[in-house]
Amino acid sequence: MSDTARQRLRKIEGQVKGIERMLEQGRGCDEILTQLMAVRSALDSVASHIVADHVQECVKTMPSDEATDSVNRTVRSLLKLS
């Protein structure tokens, strides 16, 4: 996993902890939902980044049929996320 993905995941972890604090403080539903949507968007962004890195690595390093199989598995996994 790239350093960029790790950094993004740490930031998301901080956001989730912030949401926990908001719940403990009894903050409004609209504020909490806004933060939850931000976390969801950030996770989607990290997933895209990881997939892009994986696909590039497959294309560079694997024989073409292995790369094709790996990319196809990754695409199927992505479709499950949506």
Protein backbone atom coordinates (compact mmCIF):
# COMPACT_ATOMS: atom_id res chain seq x y z
CA MET A 1 0.00 0.00 0.00
CA SER A 2 1.33 3.43 -0.88
CA ASP A 3 2.21 6.07 1.67
CA THR A 4 -0.54 8.25 0.23
CA ALA A 5 -3.16 5.59 0.94
CA ARG A 6 -1.84 5.12 4.48
CA GLN A 7 -1.97 8.87 5.12
CA ARG A 8 -5.52 9.05 3.80
CA LEU A 9 -6.58 6.13 5.99
CA ARG A 10 -5.10 7.81 9.07
CA LYS A 11 -7.04 10.95 8.24
CA ILE A 12 -10.23 8.90 7.86
CA GLU A 13 -9.52 7.26 11.21
CA GLY A 14 -9.37 10.73 12.75
CA GLN A 15 -12.65 11.66 11.10
CA VAL A 16 -14.34 8.55 12.50
CA LYS A 17 -13.06 9.34 15.99
CA GLY A 18 -14.42 12.84 15.53
CA ILE A 19 -17.82 11.38 14.67
CA GLU A 20 -17.70 9.27 17.84
CA ARG A 21 -17.05 12.43 19.86
CA MET A 22 -19.92 14.17 18.11
CA LEU A 23 -22.24 11.32 19.09
CA GLU A 24 -21.03 11.48 22.70
CA GLN A 25 -21.64 15.23 22.72
CA GLY A 26 -25.14 14.78 21.38
CA ARG A 27 -24.48 16.83 18.25
CA GLY A 28 -27.21 17.19 15.66
CA CYS A 29 -28.09 14.46 13.21
CA ASP A 30 -27.43 16.71 10.21
CA GLU A 31 -23.88 17.48 11.39
CA ILE A 32 -23.15 13.80 12.01
CA LEU A 33 -24.57 12.73 8.66
CA THR A 34 -22.45 15.35 6.90
CA GLN A 35 -19.33 13.90 8.51
CA LEU A 36 -20.40 10.33 7.71
CA MET A 37 -20.82 11.28 4.05
CA ALA A 38 -17.36 12.86 4.09
CA VAL A 39 -15.88 9.64 5.49
CA ARG A 40 -17.69 7.57 2.86
CA SER A 41 -16.35 9.82 0.12
CA ALA A 42 -12.83 9.63 1.53
CA LEU A 43 -13.00 5.82 1.65
CA ASP A 44 -14.17 5.73 -1.95
CA SER A 45 -11.22 7.92 -2.89
CA VAL A 46 -8.75 5.65 -1.09
CA ALA A 47 -10.26 2.60 -2.78
CA SER A 48 -9.86 4.24 -6.19
CA HIS A 49 -6.27 5.15 -5.42
CA ILE A 50 -5.41 1.61 -4.29
CA VAL A 51 -7.09 0.08 -7.34
CA ALA A 52 -5.28 2.44 -9.71
CA ASP A 53 -1.94 1.56 -8.11
CA HIS A 54 -2.77 -2.16 -8.31
CA VAL A 55 -3.75 -2.01 -11.96
CA GLN A 56 -0.61 -0.07 -12.88
CA GLU A 57 1.53 -2.60 -11.01
CA CYS A 58 -0.21 -5.53 -12.74
CA VAL A 59 0.36 -4.04 -16.16
CA LYS A 60 4.03 -3.32 -15.44
CA THR A 61 5.08 -6.53 -13.75
CA MET A 62 2.82 -9.45 -14.66
CA PRO A 63 2.58 -11.49 -17.82
CA SER A 64 -0.41 -10.21 -19.79
CA ASP A 65 -2.83 -13.09 -18.98
CA GLU A 66 -2.05 -12.89 -15.25
CA ALA A 67 -2.43 -9.11 -15.36
CA THR A 68 -5.76 -9.46 -17.17
CA ASP A 69 -7.03 -11.96 -14.59
CA SER A 70 -5.91 -9.78 -11.69
CA VAL A 71 -7.47 -6.65 -13.17
CA ASN A 72 -10.72 -8.54 -13.84
CA ARG A 73 -10.84 -9.72 -10.20
CA THR A 74 -10.22 -6.17 -9.04
CA VAL A 75 -13.01 -4.82 -11.26
CA ARG A 76 -15.42 -7.43 -9.90
CA SER A 77 -14.48 -6.40 -6.35
CA LEU A 78 -15.05 -2.76 -7.22
CA LEU A 79 -18.48 -3.53 -8.59
CA LYS A 80 -19.39 -5.10 -5.25
CA LEU A 81 -18.51 -1.82 -3.52
CA SER A 82 -20.97 0.21 -5.54
